[in-house]
Each structure stands twice: as C-alpha cells, then as structure tokens.
Amino acid sequence: MAPRHEQRGDQHRINDRIRSREVRLIGPTGDQLGIKPVPDALRMARGLDLDLVEVAPGANPPVCRIMDYGKFKYEEGQKAKEARKKSTNVSVKEVKYRPKIGKGDFETKTRNVLKFIDQGHKVKITLQFRGREMAHPELGSKILDDVLEAVGPVAKVDTQARFEGRSMTMVLSPDKQAQEALKKAAAEAEKEAAEAAAAEAAEAPVADASPDDTSPAVASPDDTGTDDTRTDDTATDDTGTDDTGTDDT
C-alpha cells in the first residue's frame, strides 16, 4: 500500500517518515505489541490498510501506533474546533435601554439580560441619552439600578456605571456561585414538595363504598313485565292490522 498523508504540515511522523530503526509498537486496538523494527511495524500497518504513526517521539525507543491517520486527524480537528468554540463562546453581549423606557420594553430587555447571564456571557448595559435627556443622568442611574435589582441574584457588577459619550454603561457578569446556590435551593424545594405530596397521599383516608350506594338499581319485575307486555301487544296489534289490510287488498 502506498504511504498516505505524507504532507509536511502533519504534526506526527508517519509511515516512511519515521526515522528510528525500531519502535515500541501499539496495535490499532491499544494492545502492546512490544519493540519492533520499523520495517516490520510498517509491514503490519500496511497489511491492515492503516498507518504507522509516531505518537511519542521523545520516548526511547519512540512509541508508534497503528491507526487510520486520516480519521485521527479529523477527530483531532473536531476536538480543537470544539475547544475554540468553548473559548470564544463567552463574549460580551449588549442590551440597550432608554431613560424613558416603558415597563413592557424594560421587562423584555431584562429577560434578555438574564438569558445571556444564564448562558455564561457578560452583558454590557447601555443607556442611550438623546437631546435634553443628557441633563437628567439620574434617569439612567435609576434604570441601571432597576436592572441590577432584577438580575442581582445571578449576576455581579464587573464595571460600575459610567458615561461613554452620550451613553451610560455598566457591565455585568455571571455570579456562578449564586447561580449554583439557586439551582441547589430549587432542587431541594422541589424534593421537599414531592416528599410532602407523597406523605399527604399516604395519610389520606380511603373512603369505604357503602353497599347500598354501589348496588345497581334493580327494576321491579312487575314494572318490567308490564312494559314488555305492553310493548309486545302493541307490536302484535299493529302488525296484525297492517297484514290484514294488505291481504284483503
């Protein structure tokens, strides 16, 4: 089999690029195969249509493993991608308010702040002033105080309120200890509620059904017979009259 993945950008020496005369060989399933001459190790790898990869070049002798190097590179790339994603996933989100914001808009924006905090992001709160609103910074301070009061149980202030041009800003970050404490308290409360409900259900008396209440109502034989007789007689009379009329005709 022709050597594969021989590009210079590879981080590992593989196949014919391995310089040692002998290596400590690991099989494709992780089993230790002992110290082997490189030609023998290569022959074994190619016999399985796999690669010989030097995984510990600093060892004496170097450690090589038989594996599918293309698959290995792909999996390593995916792991690196996930690591980068996690490292860059925590970013600073911005939520903008106005000094004269309505109650509904305030609640909507504050829910977004809580959502970002819960996702682990920092949040920059920005108060945008326009025109004569700059003369009333206390309006902005009141909004920031209200936001902080709403998210206080799960967030903390990273950067205190300050002016940036015509805006007042404040940066919040997740308070992980507070979040964990809230989750723990919620779980305990849920457990206690479930236990209380179970205890209440166990102590509740079981009502005995009365024989009179559960017995189905039985119709009187006389009533039943009267009804059946009346019904049968009526049917017979009607049928007889109709049949006689038909026959006469």
C-alpha atoms as a PDB file:
ATOM      1  CA  MET A   1       0.000   0.000   0.000  1.00  0.00           C
ATOM      2  CA  ALA A   2       1.322   3.431  -0.867  1.00  0.00           C
ATOM      3  CA  PRO A   3       2.132   5.671   2.114  1.00  0.00           C
ATOM      4  CA  ARG A   4      -0.643   8.109   2.915  1.00  0.00           C
ATOM      5  CA  HIS A   5      -0.817  11.558   4.487  1.00  0.00           C
ATOM      6  CA  GLU A   6       2.799  12.438   3.784  1.00  0.00           C
ATOM      7  CA  GLN A   7       2.242  16.212   3.640  1.00  0.00           C
ATOM      8  CA  ARG A   8       4.776  18.302   5.535  1.00  0.00           C
ATOM      9  CA  GLY A   9       2.139  20.004   7.654  1.00  0.00           C
ATOM     10  CA  ASP A  10       1.467  16.841   9.664  1.00  0.00           C
ATOM     11  CA  GLN A  11       2.329  17.114  13.344  1.00  0.00           C
ATOM     12  CA  HIS A  12       3.369  13.479  13.584  1.00  0.00           C
ATOM     13  CA  ARG A  13       5.928  11.426  11.716  1.00  0.00           C
ATOM     14  CA  ILE A  14       4.108   8.654   9.921  1.00  0.00           C
ATOM     15  CA  ASN A  15       4.979   5.661   7.772  1.00  0.00           C
ATOM     16  CA  ASP A  16       8.236   6.147   5.824  1.00  0.00           C
ATOM     17  CA  ARG A  17       8.960   9.456   7.589  1.00  0.00           C
ATOM     18  CA  ILE A  18       9.716   7.658  10.854  1.00  0.00           C
ATOM     19  CA  ARG A  19      13.492   7.872  11.358  1.00  0.00           C
ATOM     20  CA  SER A  20      14.087   5.400  14.189  1.00  0.00           C
ATOM     21  CA  ARG A  21      15.325   1.894  13.489  1.00  0.00           C
ATOM     22  CA  GLU A  22      12.917   0.357  15.953  1.00  0.00           C
ATOM     23  CA  VAL A  23       9.830   1.482  17.854  1.00  0.00           C
ATOM     24  CA  ARG A  24       7.631   0.384  20.706  1.00  0.00           C
ATOM     25  CA  LEU A  25       4.505  -0.626  18.838  1.00  0.00           C
ATOM     26  CA  ILE A  26       0.866  -0.245  19.886  1.00  0.00           C
ATOM     27  CA  GLY A  27      -1.800  -2.027  17.889  1.00  0.00           C
ATOM     28  CA  PRO A  28      -4.952  -0.418  16.470  1.00  0.00           C
ATOM     29  CA  THR A  29      -6.988  -1.550  19.482  1.00  0.00           C
ATOM     30  CA  GLY A  30      -4.439  -0.312  22.020  1.00  0.00           C
ATOM     31  CA  ASP A  31      -2.704  -3.602  22.676  1.00  0.00           C
ATOM     32  CA  GLN A  32       1.054  -3.537  23.347  1.00  0.00           C
ATOM     33  CA  LEU A  33       2.965  -5.363  20.609  1.00  0.00           C
ATOM     34  CA  GLY A  34       6.458  -4.818  22.009  1.00  0.00           C
ATOM     35  CA  ILE A  35       9.560  -3.383  20.348  1.00  0.00           C
ATOM     36  CA  LYS A  36       9.612  -3.901  16.595  1.00  0.00           C
ATOM     37  CA  PRO A  37      11.932  -2.862  13.757  1.00  0.00           C
ATOM     38  CA  VAL A  38      10.320  -0.076  11.777  1.00  0.00           C
ATOM     39  CA  PRO A  39      10.110  -2.149   8.544  1.00  0.00           C
ATOM     40  CA  ASP A  40       8.195  -4.857  10.426  1.00  0.00           C
ATOM     41  CA  ALA A  41       5.893  -2.293  12.048  1.00  0.00           C
ATOM     42  CA  LEU A  42       5.239  -0.694   8.656  1.00  0.00           C
ATOM     43  CA  ARG A  43       4.503  -4.081   7.129  1.00  0.00           C
ATOM     44  CA  MET A  44       1.955  -4.801   9.875  1.00  0.00           C
ATOM     45  CA  ALA A  45       0.265  -1.406   9.455  1.00  0.00           C
ATOM     46  CA  ARG A  46       0.036  -1.712   5.680  1.00  0.00           C
ATOM     47  CA  GLY A  47      -1.295  -5.225   5.996  1.00  0.00           C
ATOM     48  CA  LEU A  48      -4.248  -3.724   7.878  1.00  0.00           C
ATOM     49  CA  ASP A  49      -4.546  -0.841   5.389  1.00  0.00           C
ATOM     50  CA  LEU A  50      -3.641   1.566   8.189  1.00  0.00           C
ATOM     51  CA  ASP A  51      -0.817   3.959   9.033  1.00  0.00           C
ATOM     52  CA  LEU A  52       2.131   3.744  11.390  1.00  0.00           C
ATOM     53  CA  VAL A  53       2.083   6.942  13.471  1.00  0.00           C
ATOM     54  CA  GLU A  54       4.809   8.120  15.836  1.00  0.00           C
ATOM     55  CA  VAL A  55       2.853   9.277  18.907  1.00  0.00           C
ATOM     56  CA  ALA A  56       5.701   9.680  21.424  1.00  0.00           C
ATOM     57  CA  PRO A  57       8.914  10.646  19.616  1.00  0.00           C
ATOM     58  CA  GLY A  58      10.719  11.518  22.860  1.00  0.00           C
ATOM     59  CA  ALA A  59      10.478   8.009  24.287  1.00  0.00           C
ATOM     60  CA  ASN A  60      13.311   5.501  23.986  1.00  0.00           C
ATOM     61  CA  PRO A  61      12.553   3.871  21.669  1.00  0.00           C
ATOM     62  CA  PRO A  62       9.854   6.116  20.178  1.00  0.00           C
ATOM     63  CA  VAL A  63       6.281   4.902  20.558  1.00  0.00           C
ATOM     64  CA  CYS A  64       4.289   4.279  17.401  1.00  0.00           C
ATOM     65  CA  ARG A  65       0.703   3.252  16.947  1.00  0.00           C
ATOM     66  CA  ILE A  66      -1.084   1.589  14.075  1.00  0.00           C
ATOM     67  CA  MET A  67      -4.151   3.676  13.190  1.00  0.00           C
ATOM     68  CA  ASP A  68      -6.175   5.365  10.476  1.00  0.00           C
ATOM     69  CA  TYR A  69      -4.309   8.656  10.423  1.00  0.00           C
ATOM     70  CA  GLY A  70      -6.915  10.424   8.314  1.00  0.00           C
ATOM     71  CA  LYS A  71      -9.613   9.591  10.855  1.00  0.00           C
ATOM     72  CA  PHE A  72      -7.280  10.540  13.688  1.00  0.00           C
ATOM     73  CA  LYS A  73      -6.580  13.943  12.118  1.00  0.00           C
ATOM     74  CA  TYR A  74     -10.291  14.560  11.600  1.00  0.00           C
ATOM     75  CA  GLU A  75     -11.119  13.729  15.219  1.00  0.00           C
ATOM     76  CA  GLU A  76      -8.283  15.918  16.470  1.00  0.00           C
ATOM     77  CA  GLY A  77      -9.567  18.764  14.305  1.00  0.00           C
ATOM     78  CA  GLN A  78     -13.073  18.360  15.711  1.00  0.00           C
ATOM     79  CA  LYS A  79     -11.733  18.449  19.261  1.00  0.00           C
ATOM     80  CA  ALA A  80      -9.744  21.591  18.518  1.00  0.00           C
ATOM     81  CA  LYS A  81     -12.800  23.173  16.911  1.00  0.00           C
ATOM     82  CA  GLU A  82     -14.916  22.435  19.968  1.00  0.00           C
ATOM     83  CA  ALA A  83     -12.210  23.828  22.244  1.00  0.00           C
ATOM     84  CA  ARG A  84     -12.057  27.044  20.211  1.00  0.00           C
ATOM     85  CA  LYS A  85     -15.830  27.262  20.228  1.00  0.00           C
ATOM     86  CA  LYS A  86     -15.937  26.978  24.000  1.00  0.00           C
ATOM     87  CA  SER A  87     -13.164  29.511  24.473  1.00  0.00           C
ATOM     88  CA  THR A  88     -14.791  32.083  22.193  1.00  0.00           C
ATOM     89  CA  ASN A  89     -18.367  31.283  23.133  1.00  0.00           C
ATOM     90  CA  VAL A  90     -18.190  33.504  26.214  1.00  0.00           C
ATOM     91  CA  SER A  91     -18.485  37.008  24.850  1.00  0.00           C
ATOM     92  CA  VAL A  92     -19.842  40.393  25.874  1.00  0.00           C
ATOM     93  CA  LYS A  93     -23.447  40.895  24.855  1.00  0.00           C
ATOM     94  CA  GLU A  94     -25.003  44.354  24.795  1.00  0.00           C
ATOM     95  CA  VAL A  95     -28.549  45.293  25.766  1.00  0.00           C
ATOM     96  CA  LYS A  96     -29.624  48.881  25.157  1.00  0.00           C
ATOM     97  CA  TYR A  97     -32.160  50.801  27.243  1.00  0.00           C
ATOM     98  CA  ARG A  98     -33.617  54.304  27.052  1.00  0.00           C
ATOM     99  CA  PRO A  99     -34.028  56.551  30.102  1.00  0.00           C
ATOM    100  CA  LYS A 100     -37.794  56.785  29.466  1.00  0.00           C
ATOM    101  CA  ILE A 101     -38.304  53.138  28.541  1.00  0.00           C
ATOM    102  CA  GLY A 102     -41.771  51.651  29.038  1.00  0.00           C
ATOM    103  CA  LYS A 103     -42.474  48.885  31.524  1.00  0.00           C
ATOM    104  CA  GLY A 104     -43.067  46.232  28.859  1.00  0.00           C
ATOM    105  CA  ASP A 105     -39.863  47.041  26.959  1.00  0.00           C
ATOM    106  CA  PHE A 106     -37.907  47.112  30.208  1.00  0.00           C
ATOM    107  CA  GLU A 107     -39.142  43.653  31.175  1.00  0.00           C
ATOM    108  CA  THR A 108     -38.399  42.239  27.712  1.00  0.00           C
ATOM    109  CA  LYS A 109     -34.855  43.612  27.643  1.00  0.00           C
ATOM    110  CA  THR A 110     -34.190  42.500  31.199  1.00  0.00           C
ATOM    111  CA  ARG A 111     -35.291  38.956  30.317  1.00  0.00           C
ATOM    112  CA  ASN A 112     -32.674  39.048  27.549  1.00  0.00           C
ATOM    113  CA  VAL A 113     -30.065  40.129  30.088  1.00  0.00           C
ATOM    114  CA  LEU A 114     -30.994  37.186  32.308  1.00  0.00           C
ATOM    115  CA  LYS A 115     -30.856  34.817  29.326  1.00  0.00           C
ATOM    116  CA  PHE A 116     -27.345  35.967  28.386  1.00  0.00           C
ATOM    117  CA  ILE A 117     -26.186  35.724  32.002  1.00  0.00           C
ATOM    118  CA  ASP A 118     -27.601  32.204  32.263  1.00  0.00           C
ATOM    119  CA  GLN A 119     -25.678  31.263  29.091  1.00  0.00           C
ATOM    120  CA  GLY A 120     -22.452  32.413  30.742  1.00  0.00           C
ATOM    121  CA  HIS A 121     -21.981  35.682  28.839  1.00  0.00           C
ATOM    122  CA  LYS A 122     -21.024  39.050  30.182  1.00  0.00           C
ATOM    123  CA  VAL A 123     -23.603  41.742  29.451  1.00  0.00           C
ATOM    124  CA  LYS A 124     -22.987  45.404  28.758  1.00  0.00           C
ATOM    125  CA  ILE A 125     -25.973  47.523  29.779  1.00  0.00           C
ATOM    126  CA  THR A 126     -26.119  50.716  27.721  1.00  0.00           C
ATOM    127  CA  LEU A 127     -28.358  53.702  28.487  1.00  0.00           C
ATOM    128  CA  GLN A 128     -28.723  55.883  25.403  1.00  0.00           C
ATOM    129  CA  PHE A 129     -29.421  59.562  26.041  1.00  0.00           C
ATOM    130  CA  ARG A 130     -30.821  61.903  23.432  1.00  0.00           C
ATOM    131  CA  GLY A 131     -31.046  65.670  23.381  1.00  0.00           C
ATOM    132  CA  ARG A 132     -32.117  67.163  26.690  1.00  0.00           C
ATOM    133  CA  GLU A 133     -32.081  63.761  28.365  1.00  0.00           C
ATOM    134  CA  MET A 134     -28.387  64.368  28.987  1.00  0.00           C
ATOM    135  CA  ALA A 135     -29.431  66.890  31.629  1.00  0.00           C
ATOM    136  CA  HIS A 136     -31.047  64.103  33.670  1.00  0.00           C
ATOM    137  CA  PRO A 137     -28.440  61.390  34.272  1.00  0.00           C
ATOM    138  CA  GLU A 138     -30.422  60.298  37.329  1.00  0.00           C
ATOM    139  CA  LEU A 139     -32.948  58.719  34.944  1.00  0.00           C
ATOM    140  CA  GLY A 140     -30.235  56.480  33.572  1.00  0.00           C
ATOM    141  CA  SER A 141     -28.973  55.629  37.037  1.00  0.00           C
ATOM    142  CA  LYS A 142     -32.499  54.610  38.045  1.00  0.00           C
ATOM    143  CA  ILE A 143     -32.769  52.241  35.064  1.00  0.00           C
ATOM    144  CA  LEU A 144     -29.395  50.671  35.843  1.00  0.00           C
ATOM    145  CA  ASP A 145     -30.398  50.210  39.475  1.00  0.00           C
ATOM    146  CA  ASP A 146     -33.629  48.511  38.379  1.00  0.00           C
ATOM    147  CA  VAL A 147     -31.717  46.183  36.043  1.00  0.00           C
ATOM    148  CA  LEU A 148     -29.229  45.314  38.758  1.00  0.00           C
ATOM    149  CA  GLU A 149     -32.051  44.610  41.206  1.00  0.00           C
ATOM    150  CA  ALA A 150     -33.700  42.261  38.688  1.00  0.00           C
ATOM    151  CA  VAL A 151     -30.554  40.264  37.870  1.00  0.00           C
ATOM    152  CA  GLY A 152     -28.779  40.642  41.200  1.00  0.00           C
ATOM    153  CA  PRO A 153     -29.411  37.064  42.376  1.00  0.00           C
ATOM    154  CA  VAL A 154     -27.428  35.594  39.455  1.00  0.00           C
ATOM    155  CA  ALA A 155     -25.094  38.389  38.309  1.00  0.00           C
ATOM    156  CA  LYS A 156     -22.473  40.738  39.656  1.00  0.00           C
ATOM    157  CA  VAL A 157     -21.102  44.086  38.507  1.00  0.00           C
ATOM    158  CA  ASP A 158     -17.848  43.861  36.567  1.00  0.00           C
ATOM    159  CA  THR A 159     -17.670  47.524  35.589  1.00  0.00           C
ATOM    160  CA  GLN A 160     -19.525  50.186  37.542  1.00  0.00           C
ATOM    161  CA  ALA A 161     -21.815  52.631  35.749  1.00  0.00           C
ATOM    162  CA  ARG A 162     -20.002  55.329  33.823  1.00  0.00           C
ATOM    163  CA  PHE A 163     -20.552  57.680  30.907  1.00  0.00           C
ATOM    164  CA  GLU A 164     -19.209  56.871  27.442  1.00  0.00           C
ATOM    165  CA  GLY A 165     -20.062  59.828  25.240  1.00  0.00           C
ATOM    166  CA  ARG A 166     -23.844  60.184  25.283  1.00  0.00           C
ATOM    167  CA  SER A 167     -24.345  56.781  26.878  1.00  0.00           C
ATOM    168  CA  MET A 168     -24.153  55.419  30.391  1.00  0.00           C
ATOM    169  CA  THR A 169     -22.834  51.866  30.597  1.00  0.00           C
ATOM    170  CA  MET A 170     -22.430  49.093  33.125  1.00  0.00           C
ATOM    171  CA  VAL A 171     -21.001  45.590  32.618  1.00  0.00           C
ATOM    172  CA  LEU A 172     -22.430  42.547  34.383  1.00  0.00           C
ATOM    173  CA  SER A 173     -21.054  39.017  34.558  1.00  0.00           C
ATOM    174  CA  PRO A 174     -22.485  35.717  35.806  1.00  0.00           C
ATOM    175  CA  ASP A 175     -22.191  35.032  39.520  1.00  0.00           C
ATOM    176  CA  LYS A 176     -21.546  31.302  39.266  1.00  0.00           C
ATOM    177  CA  GLN A 177     -21.635  30.666  42.997  1.00  0.00           C
ATOM    178  CA  ALA A 178     -25.001  32.406  43.304  1.00  0.00           C
ATOM    179  CA  GLN A 179     -26.341  30.501  40.297  1.00  0.00           C
ATOM    180  CA  GLU A 180     -25.284  27.169  41.779  1.00  0.00           C
ATOM    181  CA  ALA A 181     -26.821  28.106  45.133  1.00  0.00           C
ATOM    182  CA  LEU A 182     -30.124  28.986  43.452  1.00  0.00           C
ATOM    183  CA  LYS A 183     -30.161  25.741  41.488  1.00  0.00           C
ATOM    184  CA  LYS A 184     -29.427  23.766  44.642  1.00  0.00           C
ATOM    185  CA  ALA A 185     -32.159  25.572  46.575  1.00  0.00           C
ATOM    186  CA  ALA A 186     -34.660  24.998  43.761  1.00  0.00           C
ATOM    187  CA  ALA A 187     -33.801  21.289  43.628  1.00  0.00           C
ATOM    188  CA  GLU A 188     -34.191  20.949  47.399  1.00  0.00           C
ATOM    189  CA  ALA A 189     -37.524  22.793  47.334  1.00  0.00           C
ATOM    190  CA  GLU A 190     -38.771  20.520  44.562  1.00  0.00           C
ATOM    191  CA  LYS A 191     -37.673  17.450  46.512  1.00  0.00           C
ATOM    192  CA  GLU A 192     -39.389  18.666  49.691  1.00  0.00           C
ATOM    193  CA  ALA A 193     -42.594  19.398  47.785  1.00  0.00           C
ATOM    194  CA  ALA A 194     -42.577  15.911  46.281  1.00  0.00           C
ATOM    195  CA  GLU A 195     -41.986  14.306  49.687  1.00  0.00           C
ATOM    196  CA  ALA A 196     -44.777  16.369  51.254  1.00  0.00           C
ATOM    197  CA  ALA A 197     -47.179  15.382  48.487  1.00  0.00           C
ATOM    198  CA  ALA A 198     -46.277  11.713  48.909  1.00  0.00           C
ATOM    199  CA  ALA A 199     -46.755  11.894  52.692  1.00  0.00           C
ATOM    200  CA  GLU A 200     -50.112  13.621  52.294  1.00  0.00           C
ATOM    201  CA  ALA A 201     -51.265  10.990  49.834  1.00  0.00           C
ATOM    202  CA  ALA A 202     -50.201   8.201  52.198  1.00  0.00           C
ATOM    203  CA  GLU A 203     -52.075   9.725  55.163  1.00  0.00           C
ATOM    204  CA  ALA A 204     -55.291  10.419  53.257  1.00  0.00           C
ATOM    205  CA  PRO A 205     -58.138   8.095  54.470  1.00  0.00           C
ATOM    206  CA  VAL A 206     -59.589   5.664  51.970  1.00  0.00           C
ATOM    207  CA  ALA A 207     -63.385   6.049  51.788  1.00  0.00           C
ATOM    208  CA  ASP A 208     -65.305   2.716  52.066  1.00  0.00           C
ATOM    209  CA  ALA A 209     -68.018   2.394  49.498  1.00  0.00           C
ATOM    210  CA  SER A 210     -71.487   1.720  51.009  1.00  0.00           C
ATOM    211  CA  PRO A 211     -73.200  -1.454  49.745  1.00  0.00           C
ATOM    212  CA  ASP A 212     -76.413   0.500  49.189  1.00  0.00           C
ATOM    213  CA  ASP A 213     -74.592   3.125  47.141  1.00  0.00           C
ATOM    214  CA  THR A 214     -72.706   0.675  44.987  1.00  0.00           C
ATOM    215  CA  SER A 215     -75.594  -1.730  44.313  1.00  0.00           C
ATOM    216  CA  PRO A 216     -77.130  -1.104  40.906  1.00  0.00           C
ATOM    217  CA  ALA A 217     -80.832  -0.227  40.840  1.00  0.00           C
ATOM    218  CA  VAL A 218     -82.962  -3.305  40.021  1.00  0.00           C
ATOM    219  CA  ALA A 219     -86.183  -2.727  38.179  1.00  0.00           C
ATOM    220  CA  SER A 220     -89.352  -4.206  39.662  1.00  0.00           C
ATOM    221  CA  PRO A 221     -90.421  -7.433  37.973  1.00  0.00           C
ATOM    222  CA  ASP A 222     -93.989  -6.119  37.738  1.00  0.00           C
ATOM    223  CA  ASP A 223     -92.874  -2.917  36.063  1.00  0.00           C
ATOM    224  CA  THR A 224     -90.622  -4.756  33.687  1.00  0.00           C
ATOM    225  CA  GLY A 225     -93.275  -7.272  32.797  1.00  0.00           C
ATOM    226  CA  THR A 226     -95.873  -4.589  32.258  1.00  0.00           C
ATOM    227  CA  ASP A 227     -93.610  -2.644  29.966  1.00  0.00           C
ATOM    228  CA  ASP A 228     -92.631  -5.722  27.942  1.00  0.00           C
ATOM    229  CA  THR A 229     -96.222  -6.924  27.636  1.00  0.00           C
ATOM    230  CA  ARG A 230     -97.455  -3.547  26.585  1.00  0.00           C
ATOM    231  CA  THR A 231     -94.732  -3.252  24.010  1.00  0.00           C
ATOM    232  CA  ASP A 232     -95.328  -6.755  22.638  1.00  0.00           C
ATOM    233  CA  ASP A 233     -99.120  -6.316  22.493  1.00  0.00           C
ATOM    234  CA  THR A 234     -98.808  -3.050  20.702  1.00  0.00           C
ATOM    235  CA  ALA A 235     -96.442  -4.521  18.188  1.00  0.00           C
ATOM    236  CA  THR A 236     -98.743  -7.533  17.609  1.00  0.00           C
ATOM    237  CA  ASP A 237    -101.874  -5.440  17.174  1.00  0.00           C
ATOM    238  CA  ASP A 238    -100.177  -3.063  14.776  1.00  0.00           C
ATOM    239  CA  THR A 239     -98.698  -5.882  12.761  1.00  0.00           C
ATOM    240  CA  GLY A 240    -101.952  -7.776  12.609  1.00  0.00           C
ATOM    241  CA  THR A 241    -103.905  -4.767  11.410  1.00  0.00           C
ATOM    242  CA  ASP A 242    -101.357  -3.944   8.751  1.00  0.00           C
ATOM    243  CA  ASP A 243    -101.113  -7.548   7.498  1.00  0.00           C
ATOM    244  CA  THR A 244    -104.921  -7.944   7.304  1.00  0.00           C
ATOM    245  CA  GLY A 245    -105.295  -4.764   5.314  1.00  0.00           C
ATOM    246  CA  THR A 246    -102.662  -5.874   2.901  1.00  0.00           C
ATOM    247  CA  ASP A 247    -104.124  -9.338   2.425  1.00  0.00           C
ATOM    248  CA  ASP A 248    -107.662  -8.001   1.818  1.00  0.00           C
ATOM    249  CA  THR A 249    -106.350  -5.721  -0.826  1.00  0.00           C
END
